[in-house]
Amino acid sequence: MKKSLIVLLCALFVISAFTACANQPDDTKPATTTGVNTEADTTEAVDTEDINYIMDPDTIAKAGQYKGEKLTILANSGFWPADDIFREEDSEDPVDSAIYNRNEYVKNTYQIDIEVVEDEAVATTLKNAYKSGINDYDVAAFCAYEACPLAAENIFQDLTQIENLDLTKKYWDQGLFEGLSIDNKLFYITGDISTKANAGTFLMMFNKKLASDYDLEDLYQVVRDGNWTLDYLNNLIKEHGYVDDGNAKVGVEDKFGMGIQIEAYLAFYFGAGGRMVLKDSDQMPYLALNTEKNISIIDKIYDLTQLDNKTIDAHDHLNEPPYSTGEGFASTVAFKENRCLFYLSNAANILGLREMDADFGVLPTPKFDKSQTDYYSYVYHGAALYVIPVMNKRTAFTGFALEALASESYKRVTPAYYEQTLKRKSQRDADSWDMLDIVFRNRLWDLGYYARWGGLDDSFIQQIKKGTGSFAKWYKSASKSADKAIKKYIEAYNSTSTK
């Protein structure tokens, strides 16, 4: 079902749920969506999947209990800031406007307030607040690589136990529990409530002009048929890959099959179902890198990125001005200039492609092979996760407020983000909208990466670039430090969880 129809049905469902609530003041009822026929019979069109995107009516019915309450959110203002929570005023920018109107809707409909406290050192502030017993913050939102290591210190509440918080709803990322839970407890969430997880999600882009010039088959259909694999991609960039610019020397001005940045190695790895860490029968993490499947994945990535000059890596040219940062990355420039058929980056960097003359489309990261059931996406560890500190004594209200923000974000913020991400001039690529659904709804979260045990997040990237020839030697050293860090993490968790 198309996102626009789902959004419309969500609006109708919530309107009907609210109008059914007894003794509800008129000024708390949501305004009817412009152009929507509220008398239309949508019963047959709403299925179980759609309901999973809508705030539960029983939760909505509790709104009167929280009238006059204020939700205080401690938000990261430093590296990869969680700056998508609040806007002072409406804006012409579609995402800023959606965030502003989401908050206004939640505040006016449920008669609650939202306060955001910005902080460049959220982890430190939370630890100090915990030690001092300070209860100033209901929620904190900050980078995954800072949030995940703190779970062992008893600073966060288990979100599976929070009243009014329904983590089965699809406006919460459904991959988080599988990947980041410990002992069947989950301490962090994200989803439609935050654009940062989307912005940090890696995806493939392809140059439509070059695809047409090369007479490629419909890549969207290749994805839908389940045939978009590492081997399929590799064959394309071999055939339509490196071409020297005439100086007989490999350089940034040449033509390549694919452009990437350094995090792409992990994007390919996780996209192919690779894992750093798994969980045992007690739901505790253990290192799971040294497997035949993972080594096969690394071999394929090495072929894609290191052999035959098929791929240009932006991080190999950071010391070569003007290819040092952002939109000036060598891989980004090559894609803009029609010198790359494919480009793998995070969704945030799509905005830098708006001035491309050629059109581009969006695809998920390839699967390992056709037998892999789903396409998986990797999320950069700067993306924000939401936590509830253990000092919070108003958890039922906090759960209600987070549900309200998340469900309303699905209806307002995510569609605006899709539009801003993909809209170029007057073009809207409906197929790419479908691809974004696949990308953002199938994220693979690996605690080994986000908790950074033994420095795996950085050292493993470098090892993938080197290939499997030196893997055994690297793993022998890396596993010692990683296993030690995991053991320390579990011991810390056990000591605090039993208090």
Protein backbone atom coordinates (compact mmCIF):
# COMPACT_ATOMS: atom_id res chain seq x y z
CA MET A 1 0.00 0.00 0.00
CA LYS A 2 1.34 3.43 -0.89
CA LYS A 3 2.52 5.64 1.94
CA SER A 4 0.11 8.43 1.02
CA LEU A 5 -2.88 6.11 1.43
CA ILE A 6 -1.56 4.79 4.73
CA VAL A 7 -1.13 8.34 6.01
CA LEU A 8 -4.70 9.19 4.98
CA LEU A 9 -6.07 6.09 6.71
CA CYS A 10 -4.07 6.88 9.85
CA ALA A 11 -5.61 10.34 9.96
CA LEU A 12 -9.13 8.94 9.54
CA PHE A 13 -8.60 6.32 12.23
CA VAL A 14 -7.29 8.76 14.79
CA ILE A 15 -10.09 11.25 14.04
CA SER A 16 -12.74 8.60 14.57
CA ALA A 17 -11.09 7.38 17.77
CA PHE A 18 -10.98 10.87 19.21
CA THR A 19 -14.51 11.85 18.31
CA ALA A 20 -15.70 8.72 20.11
CA CYS A 21 -14.10 9.75 23.42
CA ALA A 22 -16.65 10.98 25.92
CA ASN A 23 -16.37 14.39 27.58
CA GLN A 24 -13.57 15.47 25.27
CA PRO A 25 -13.33 19.29 25.03
CA ASP A 26 -13.82 20.63 21.50
CA ASP A 27 -10.43 22.31 21.44
CA THR A 28 -8.66 18.98 21.91
CA LYS A 29 -10.12 17.38 18.79
CA PRO A 30 -7.74 17.19 15.83
CA ALA A 31 -8.65 19.24 12.80
CA THR A 32 -9.95 17.31 9.81
CA THR A 33 -7.24 16.79 7.21
CA THR A 34 -7.78 19.05 4.20
CA GLY A 35 -9.43 17.20 1.33
CA VAL A 36 -10.21 14.08 3.36
CA ASN A 37 -13.78 12.71 3.19
CA THR A 38 -14.36 11.74 6.80
CA GLU A 39 -17.60 9.98 5.91
CA ALA A 40 -15.89 7.50 3.59
CA ASP A 41 -16.10 3.84 4.59
CA THR A 42 -12.49 2.73 5.01
CA THR A 43 -13.16 -0.41 7.05
CA GLU A 44 -12.16 -2.82 4.28
CA ALA A 45 -9.09 -0.77 3.34
CA VAL A 46 -7.60 -0.74 6.86
CA ASP A 47 -5.74 -3.98 7.53
CA THR A 48 -3.64 -5.18 10.46
CA GLU A 49 -0.45 -3.69 9.08
CA ASP A 50 -2.03 -0.24 8.86
CA ILE A 51 -3.30 -0.46 12.45
CA ASN A 52 0.29 -1.09 13.53
CA TYR A 53 1.11 2.43 12.38
CA ILE A 54 -1.63 4.03 14.48
CA MET A 55 -1.56 4.96 18.16
CA ASP A 56 -3.72 2.54 20.13
CA PRO A 57 -7.21 3.92 20.91
CA ASP A 58 -6.99 2.65 24.50
CA THR A 59 -3.83 4.72 24.94
CA ILE A 60 -5.45 7.76 23.34
CA ALA A 61 -8.34 7.43 25.78
CA LYS A 62 -5.92 8.09 28.67
CA ALA A 63 -5.09 11.58 27.37
CA GLY A 64 -7.13 13.36 30.03
CA GLN A 65 -4.94 11.91 32.78
CA TYR A 66 -1.93 13.86 31.55
CA LYS A 67 -3.48 17.27 30.94
CA GLY A 68 -1.01 19.98 31.99
CA GLU A 69 2.03 17.66 32.15
CA LYS A 70 5.36 18.61 30.54
CA LEU A 71 7.76 16.25 28.78
CA THR A 72 11.38 17.34 29.22
CA ILE A 73 13.84 15.95 26.66
CA LEU A 74 17.62 16.18 27.07
CA ALA A 75 18.90 16.41 23.49
CA ASN A 76 22.40 16.14 22.08
CA SER A 77 23.58 19.42 20.53
CA GLY A 78 27.10 18.24 19.68
CA PHE A 79 28.27 15.84 16.98
CA TRP A 80 25.31 14.53 14.98
CA PRO A 81 22.87 16.61 17.05
CA ALA A 82 19.38 15.40 17.94
CA ASP A 83 18.03 18.68 16.61
CA ASP A 84 14.86 17.31 15.05
CA ILE A 85 12.78 17.34 18.23
CA PHE A 86 11.68 20.96 18.42
CA ARG A 87 11.17 24.02 16.19
CA GLU A 88 10.37 27.48 17.50
CA GLU A 89 8.13 28.39 14.57
CA ASP A 90 6.70 27.11 11.33
CA SER A 91 8.91 27.11 8.25
CA GLU A 92 8.87 26.74 4.46
CA ASP A 93 11.21 23.78 4.88
CA PRO A 94 8.95 20.70 4.71
CA VAL A 95 10.68 18.77 7.51
CA ASP A 96 11.01 21.76 9.85
CA SER A 97 7.35 22.57 9.25
CA ALA A 98 6.32 18.96 9.93
CA ILE A 99 8.29 18.89 13.19
CA TYR A 100 6.75 22.16 14.33
CA ASN A 101 3.22 21.09 13.44
CA ARG A 102 3.70 17.63 14.94
CA ASN A 103 4.61 19.20 18.27
CA GLU A 104 1.79 21.73 18.07
CA TYR A 105 -0.68 18.97 17.31
CA VAL A 106 0.49 16.84 20.24
CA LYS A 107 0.53 19.80 22.63
CA ASN A 108 -2.89 21.13 21.62
CA THR A 109 -4.63 17.79 21.23
CA TYR A 110 -3.44 16.26 24.48
CA GLN A 111 -2.88 19.55 26.36
CA ILE A 112 0.67 18.70 27.35
CA ASP A 113 3.89 20.67 26.94
CA ILE A 114 7.24 19.71 25.43
CA GLU A 115 10.53 21.20 26.60
CA VAL A 116 13.90 20.48 24.98
CA VAL A 117 17.15 21.01 26.88
CA GLU A 118 20.17 21.03 24.58
CA ASP A 119 23.46 19.59 25.82
CA GLU A 120 26.76 18.81 24.10
CA ALA A 121 27.61 16.08 26.65
CA VAL A 122 24.39 14.15 27.26
CA ALA A 123 26.13 10.98 28.46
CA THR A 124 28.09 12.89 31.11
CA THR A 125 25.02 14.87 32.18
CA LEU A 126 22.99 11.68 32.58
CA LYS A 127 25.71 9.94 34.60
CA ASN A 128 26.05 12.94 36.90
CA ALA A 129 22.28 13.19 37.29
CA TYR A 130 22.12 9.50 38.16
CA LYS A 131 24.85 9.79 40.77
CA SER A 132 23.15 12.83 42.30
CA GLY A 133 19.62 11.46 42.07
CA ILE A 134 18.52 14.42 39.94
CA ASN A 135 15.22 13.89 38.11
CA ASP A 136 15.24 16.76 35.60
CA TYR A 137 14.81 14.80 32.37
CA ASP A 138 12.04 12.47 31.26
CA VAL A 139 13.81 11.41 28.06
CA ALA A 140 17.27 11.76 26.53
CA ALA A 141 18.14 11.61 22.83
CA PHE A 142 21.78 11.20 21.81
CA CYS A 143 24.21 9.32 19.58
CA ALA A 144 23.99 5.52 19.52
CA TYR A 145 27.72 5.11 20.11
CA GLU A 146 27.35 7.02 23.39
CA ALA A 147 23.99 5.58 24.44
CA CYS A 148 24.69 1.87 23.95
CA PRO A 149 27.73 1.57 26.25
CA LEU A 150 25.74 3.14 29.12
CA ALA A 151 23.10 0.40 29.34
CA ALA A 152 25.33 -1.65 31.65
CA GLU A 153 25.43 1.16 34.21
CA ASN A 154 21.75 0.97 35.24
CA ILE A 155 21.07 4.48 33.97
CA PHE A 156 18.22 3.57 31.57
CA GLN A 157 14.85 1.96 32.10
CA ASP A 158 13.76 -1.18 30.26
CA LEU A 159 11.45 0.26 27.64
CA THR A 160 9.56 -3.00 27.18
CA GLN A 161 8.05 -2.38 30.62
CA ILE A 162 6.94 1.23 30.16
CA GLU A 163 3.18 1.73 30.39
CA ASN A 164 1.59 3.22 27.24
CA LEU A 165 4.71 2.53 25.18
CA ASP A 166 3.88 -0.06 22.52
CA LEU A 167 7.13 -1.10 20.87
CA THR A 168 5.30 -3.45 18.50
CA LYS A 169 3.96 -0.44 16.61
CA LYS A 170 5.77 0.07 13.33
CA TYR A 171 6.52 3.71 13.98
CA TRP A 172 9.16 2.23 16.30
CA ASP A 173 12.08 0.53 14.57
CA GLN A 174 11.30 -3.18 14.77
CA GLY A 175 14.92 -4.28 14.38
CA LEU A 176 16.11 -2.69 17.61
CA PHE A 177 14.98 -5.42 19.99
CA GLU A 178 16.63 -8.19 18.01
CA GLY A 179 19.89 -6.31 17.67
CA LEU A 180 20.29 -4.15 20.77
CA SER A 181 18.38 -5.87 23.57
CA ILE A 182 20.19 -7.44 26.51
CA ASP A 183 18.64 -10.13 28.69
CA ASN A 184 15.35 -9.53 26.81
CA LYS A 185 15.44 -5.90 27.90
CA LEU A 186 15.61 -2.93 25.55
CA PHE A 187 16.97 0.41 26.70
CA TYR A 188 16.86 2.52 23.54
CA ILE A 189 14.37 3.22 20.76
CA THR A 190 14.07 5.18 17.56
CA GLY A 191 11.86 5.19 14.50
CA ASP A 192 9.61 7.77 12.89
CA ILE A 193 10.06 9.98 15.96
CA SER A 194 13.53 10.90 14.70
CA THR A 195 14.81 11.85 11.25
CA LYS A 196 18.35 11.14 12.44
CA ALA A 197 18.06 7.37 12.12
CA ASN A 198 16.84 7.86 8.56
CA ALA A 199 19.57 10.40 7.82
CA GLY A 200 22.20 7.97 9.10
CA THR A 201 20.85 5.02 7.12
CA PHE A 202 22.98 3.96 4.16
CA LEU A 203 21.43 3.28 0.78
CA MET A 204 22.38 2.93 -2.86
CA MET A 205 21.75 5.55 -5.52
CA PHE A 206 22.01 4.99 -9.25
CA ASN A 207 22.46 7.48 -12.06
CA LYS A 208 19.39 7.19 -14.29
CA LYS A 209 21.11 8.76 -17.27
CA LEU A 210 23.93 6.23 -17.18
CA ALA A 211 21.50 3.39 -16.51
CA SER A 212 19.62 4.42 -19.66
CA ASP A 213 22.83 4.84 -21.67
CA TYR A 214 23.92 1.33 -20.64
CA ASP A 215 20.44 -0.08 -21.35
CA LEU A 216 20.22 -1.64 -17.88
CA GLU A 217 17.16 -3.60 -16.87
CA ASP A 218 14.70 -2.05 -14.39
CA LEU A 219 16.73 -2.00 -11.18
CA TYR A 220 13.64 -1.38 -9.06
CA GLN A 221 12.19 -4.63 -10.38
CA VAL A 222 15.48 -6.40 -9.73
CA VAL A 223 15.08 -5.38 -6.08
CA ARG A 224 11.43 -6.45 -5.94
CA ASP A 225 12.29 -9.82 -7.49
CA GLY A 226 14.92 -10.41 -4.80
CA ASN A 227 17.79 -10.45 -7.30
CA TRP A 228 19.63 -7.33 -6.07
CA THR A 229 22.76 -9.02 -4.67
CA LEU A 230 26.44 -8.25 -4.19
CA ASP A 231 27.27 -10.40 -7.22
CA TYR A 232 24.69 -8.62 -9.36
CA LEU A 233 26.13 -5.23 -8.39
CA ASN A 234 29.69 -6.43 -8.92
CA ASN A 235 28.89 -7.64 -12.44
CA LEU A 236 27.40 -4.24 -13.33
CA ILE A 237 30.34 -2.20 -12.08
CA LYS A 238 32.78 -4.56 -13.77
CA GLU A 239 31.04 -4.03 -17.09
CA HIS A 240 30.45 -0.30 -16.62
CA GLY A 241 33.34 0.54 -14.33
CA TYR A 242 36.73 2.15 -14.51
CA VAL A 243 37.72 4.33 -17.46
CA ASP A 244 40.91 6.39 -17.37
CA ASP A 245 40.54 10.11 -18.12
CA GLY A 246 43.47 9.95 -20.55
CA ASN A 247 46.48 10.54 -18.31
CA ALA A 248 47.20 6.82 -17.75
CA LYS A 249 47.01 7.32 -13.98
CA VAL A 250 44.24 6.37 -11.56
CA GLY A 251 42.81 9.55 -10.08
CA VAL A 252 39.69 11.30 -8.86
CA GLU A 253 38.86 12.63 -12.34
CA ASP A 254 38.48 9.13 -13.82
CA LYS A 255 35.25 7.25 -14.35
CA PHE A 256 34.21 4.55 -11.87
CA GLY A 257 31.47 2.01 -11.47
CA MET A 258 30.68 3.04 -7.92
CA GLY A 259 31.44 5.79 -5.41
CA ILE A 260 31.49 5.18 -1.64
CA GLN A 261 32.70 6.57 1.69
CA ILE A 262 34.46 4.59 4.38
CA GLU A 263 31.33 3.53 6.28
CA ALA A 264 30.15 1.79 3.10
CA TYR A 265 32.22 -1.26 4.03
CA LEU A 266 29.96 -1.80 7.03
CA ALA A 267 26.89 -0.96 4.96
CA PHE A 268 27.73 -3.79 2.56
CA TYR A 269 28.62 -6.12 5.44
CA PHE A 270 25.43 -5.62 7.42
CA GLY A 271 23.37 -5.42 4.24
CA ALA A 272 24.55 -8.93 3.40
CA GLY A 273 23.44 -10.15 6.82
CA GLY A 274 26.90 -10.07 8.41
CA ARG A 275 27.10 -9.74 12.17
CA MET A 276 29.71 -8.67 14.70
CA VAL A 277 27.83 -9.85 17.78
CA LEU A 278 25.02 -12.33 18.40
CA LYS A 279 23.27 -13.40 21.62
CA ASP A 280 23.38 -16.70 23.48
CA SER A 281 20.48 -18.62 25.03
CA ASP A 282 20.50 -16.21 27.96
CA GLN A 283 20.22 -13.29 25.54
CA MET A 284 23.71 -12.08 26.34
CA PRO A 285 26.09 -10.88 23.61
CA TYR A 286 29.06 -12.79 22.28
CA LEU A 287 31.52 -12.12 19.44
CA ALA A 288 30.39 -13.79 16.21
CA LEU A 289 32.72 -12.42 13.54
CA ASN A 290 34.82 -15.45 12.68
CA THR A 291 32.34 -17.48 10.66
CA GLU A 292 32.47 -18.92 7.15
CA LYS A 293 29.51 -16.77 6.08
CA ASN A 294 31.08 -13.53 7.36
CA ILE A 295 34.38 -14.30 5.66
CA SER A 296 32.51 -14.92 2.40
CA ILE A 297 30.83 -11.54 2.77
CA ILE A 298 34.18 -9.83 3.31
CA ASP A 299 35.56 -11.49 0.18
CA LYS A 300 32.70 -10.13 -1.91
CA ILE A 301 33.07 -6.64 -0.46
CA TYR A 302 36.81 -6.69 -1.12
CA ASP A 303 36.16 -7.60 -4.75
CA LEU A 304 33.55 -4.82 -5.06
CA THR A 305 35.65 -2.08 -3.55
CA GLN A 306 39.32 -2.92 -3.97
CA LEU A 307 39.83 -4.78 -7.25
CA ASP A 308 40.17 -3.35 -10.76
CA ASN A 309 39.60 0.28 -9.73
CA LYS A 310 35.84 -0.22 -10.03
CA THR A 311 35.16 1.88 -6.93
CA ILE A 312 36.28 5.29 -5.68
CA ASP A 313 36.39 5.71 -1.88
CA ALA A 314 36.06 9.31 -0.73
CA HIS A 315 38.18 8.65 2.35
CA ASP A 316 41.14 7.71 0.17
CA HIS A 317 41.22 11.32 -1.08
CA LEU A 318 40.49 13.43 2.01
CA ASN A 319 43.98 14.93 1.89
CA GLU A 320 43.41 16.13 -1.67
CA PRO A 321 41.59 19.49 -1.69
CA PRO A 322 38.86 20.20 -2.70
CA TYR A 323 37.75 16.62 -1.99
CA SER A 324 38.03 16.89 1.78
CA THR A 325 34.53 17.18 3.21
CA GLY A 326 30.80 16.86 2.68
CA GLU A 327 29.43 17.60 -0.77
CA GLY A 328 33.00 17.86 -2.04
CA PHE A 329 33.82 14.20 -1.40
CA ALA A 330 35.54 12.72 -4.45
CA SER A 331 32.89 10.00 -4.71
CA THR A 332 30.05 12.53 -4.42
CA VAL A 333 31.54 14.74 -7.13
CA ALA A 334 32.08 11.77 -9.45
CA PHE A 335 28.43 10.74 -9.07
CA LYS A 336 27.21 14.31 -9.66
CA GLU A 337 29.33 14.54 -12.80
CA ASN A 338 27.98 11.29 -14.26
CA ARG A 339 31.28 9.50 -13.68
CA CYS A 340 29.77 6.85 -11.38
CA LEU A 341 26.86 4.55 -12.11
CA PHE A 342 26.27 3.88 -8.39
CA TYR A 343 26.81 5.82 -5.18
CA LEU A 344 26.55 4.38 -1.65
CA SER A 345 26.16 6.86 1.19
CA ASN A 346 23.83 7.81 4.02
CA ALA A 347 20.47 9.37 3.25
CA ALA A 348 21.61 12.74 4.63
CA ASN A 349 23.96 13.11 1.66
CA ILE A 350 21.14 12.82 -0.86
CA LEU A 351 20.38 16.48 -0.20
CA GLY A 352 23.75 17.37 -1.69
CA LEU A 353 22.72 15.81 -5.00
CA ARG A 354 19.79 18.10 -5.69
CA GLU A 355 21.69 20.14 -8.25
CA MET A 356 22.64 17.12 -10.34
CA ASP A 357 21.68 17.52 -13.97
CA ALA A 358 20.94 13.81 -14.28
CA ASP A 359 18.15 12.12 -12.34
CA PHE A 360 18.97 9.46 -9.80
CA GLY A 361 17.04 6.65 -8.13
CA VAL A 362 17.28 4.99 -4.72
CA LEU A 363 17.88 1.30 -3.97
CA PRO A 364 18.57 -0.73 -0.81
CA THR A 365 22.01 -2.14 -0.11
CA PRO A 366 22.38 -5.47 -1.94
CA LYS A 367 21.73 -8.83 -0.31
CA PHE A 368 24.43 -11.50 0.03
CA ASP A 369 22.63 -13.78 -2.40
CA LYS A 370 19.12 -14.61 -3.63
CA SER A 371 18.45 -16.90 -0.67
CA GLN A 372 18.65 -13.97 1.77
CA THR A 373 15.06 -13.20 2.72
CA ASP A 374 15.26 -9.45 3.42
CA TYR A 375 17.29 -6.42 2.43
CA TYR A 376 19.09 -5.00 5.47
CA SER A 377 20.30 -1.46 6.09
CA TYR A 378 23.16 -0.14 8.17
CA VAL A 379 22.75 2.95 10.38
CA TYR A 380 25.68 5.22 11.18
CA HIS A 381 26.39 5.24 14.91
CA GLY A 382 25.90 9.00 15.18
CA ALA A 383 22.13 8.55 14.78
CA ALA A 384 20.09 9.44 17.86
CA LEU A 385 18.53 6.86 20.18
CA TYR A 386 15.89 7.73 22.76
CA VAL A 387 16.19 6.54 26.37
CA ILE A 388 14.22 7.00 29.61
CA PRO A 389 16.48 7.60 32.65
CA VAL A 390 15.86 5.46 35.72
CA MET A 391 15.28 8.67 37.73
CA ASN A 392 12.05 9.29 35.80
CA LYS A 393 9.07 8.51 38.06
CA ARG A 394 6.41 9.53 35.50
CA THR A 395 6.94 6.69 33.11
CA ALA A 396 3.28 6.21 32.15
CA PHE A 397 3.06 9.84 31.03
CA THR A 398 6.43 9.58 29.28
CA GLY A 399 5.33 6.48 27.41
CA PHE A 400 2.12 8.22 26.37
CA ALA A 401 3.95 11.33 25.15
CA LEU A 402 6.51 9.32 23.18
CA GLU A 403 3.73 7.29 21.54
CA ALA A 404 1.92 10.48 20.59
CA LEU A 405 5.06 12.02 19.09
CA ALA A 406 6.06 8.85 17.24
CA SER A 407 2.65 8.12 15.73
CA GLU A 408 2.22 11.74 14.66
CA SER A 409 5.75 11.71 13.23
CA TYR A 410 4.76 8.81 11.00
CA LYS A 411 1.90 10.84 9.59
CA ARG A 412 3.72 14.16 9.26
CA VAL A 413 7.51 14.08 9.61
CA THR A 414 8.38 10.90 7.71
CA PRO A 415 6.39 11.85 4.57
CA ALA A 416 8.01 15.30 4.67
CA TYR A 417 11.43 13.70 5.05
CA TYR A 418 10.75 11.41 2.09
CA GLU A 419 9.73 14.41 0.00
CA GLN A 420 12.74 16.49 0.99
CA THR A 421 15.10 13.56 0.46
CA LEU A 422 13.85 12.60 -2.98
CA LYS A 423 12.23 15.70 -4.45
CA ARG A 424 14.38 17.28 -7.15
CA LYS A 425 12.88 20.14 -9.10
CA SER A 426 9.33 18.91 -9.84
CA GLN A 427 10.23 15.23 -9.96
CA ARG A 428 8.80 12.66 -7.59
CA ASP A 429 10.06 9.14 -8.03
CA ALA A 430 7.32 6.83 -6.71
CA ASP A 431 9.54 3.78 -7.16
CA SER A 432 12.24 5.33 -5.00
CA TRP A 433 9.61 6.07 -2.33
CA ASP A 434 8.92 2.33 -2.27
CA MET A 435 12.64 1.64 -2.07
CA LEU A 436 12.98 4.00 0.91
CA ASP A 437 10.29 1.99 2.69
CA ILE A 438 12.46 -1.10 2.24
CA VAL A 439 15.60 0.73 3.35
CA PHE A 440 14.19 2.39 6.46
CA ARG A 441 12.01 -0.50 7.64
CA ASN A 442 14.73 -3.19 7.51
CA ARG A 443 17.59 -1.82 9.55
CA LEU A 444 20.05 -4.23 11.12
CA TRP A 445 21.29 -3.04 14.52
CA ASP A 446 24.40 -4.78 15.87
CA LEU A 447 25.40 -4.07 19.46
CA GLY A 448 29.04 -4.88 18.72
CA TYR A 449 29.20 -1.88 16.41
CA TYR A 450 27.25 0.60 18.54
CA ALA A 451 28.83 -0.38 21.88
CA ARG A 452 32.26 -0.19 20.18
CA TRP A 453 33.62 -3.14 22.14
CA GLY A 454 37.37 -3.35 21.69
CA GLY A 455 37.26 -0.67 19.00
CA LEU A 456 35.53 -3.04 16.59
CA ASP A 457 33.63 -0.24 14.89
CA ASP A 458 36.77 1.26 13.38
CA SER A 459 39.23 -1.64 13.16
CA PHE A 460 36.79 -3.93 11.38
CA ILE A 461 36.27 -1.39 8.60
CA GLN A 462 40.01 -1.29 7.99
CA GLN A 463 40.17 -5.07 7.98
CA ILE A 464 37.42 -5.38 5.37
CA LYS A 465 39.44 -3.03 3.15
CA LYS A 466 42.43 -5.38 3.52
CA GLY A 467 40.43 -8.50 2.72
CA THR A 468 40.55 -11.95 4.29
CA GLY A 469 44.24 -12.59 3.61
CA SER A 470 45.19 -11.06 6.95
CA PHE A 471 41.85 -11.71 8.69
CA ALA A 472 43.06 -14.53 10.93
CA LYS A 473 45.91 -12.44 12.33
CA TRP A 474 43.67 -9.42 12.85
CA TYR A 475 40.92 -11.48 14.48
CA LYS A 476 43.32 -13.09 16.95
CA SER A 477 44.22 -9.66 18.29
CA ALA A 478 40.83 -7.97 17.89
CA SER A 479 38.89 -10.79 19.52
CA LYS A 480 40.96 -10.58 22.70
CA SER A 481 40.13 -6.95 23.32
CA ALA A 482 36.53 -7.35 22.15
CA ASP A 483 35.85 -10.43 24.29
CA LYS A 484 37.37 -8.68 27.29
CA ALA A 485 35.18 -5.61 26.72
CA ILE A 486 32.04 -7.75 26.29
CA LYS A 487 32.79 -9.69 29.47
CA LYS A 488 33.27 -6.44 31.39
CA TYR A 489 30.01 -5.10 29.96
CA ILE A 490 28.06 -8.22 31.02
CA GLU A 491 29.60 -8.19 34.49
CA ALA A 492 28.64 -4.53 34.91
CA TYR A 493 25.14 -5.25 33.67
CA ASN A 494 24.70 -8.22 36.02
CA SER A 495 25.95 -6.26 39.04
CA THR A 496 23.54 -3.39 38.46
CA SER A 497 20.49 -5.38 37.29
CA THR A 498 20.43 -7.44 40.51
CA LYS A 499 20.44 -4.37 42.79
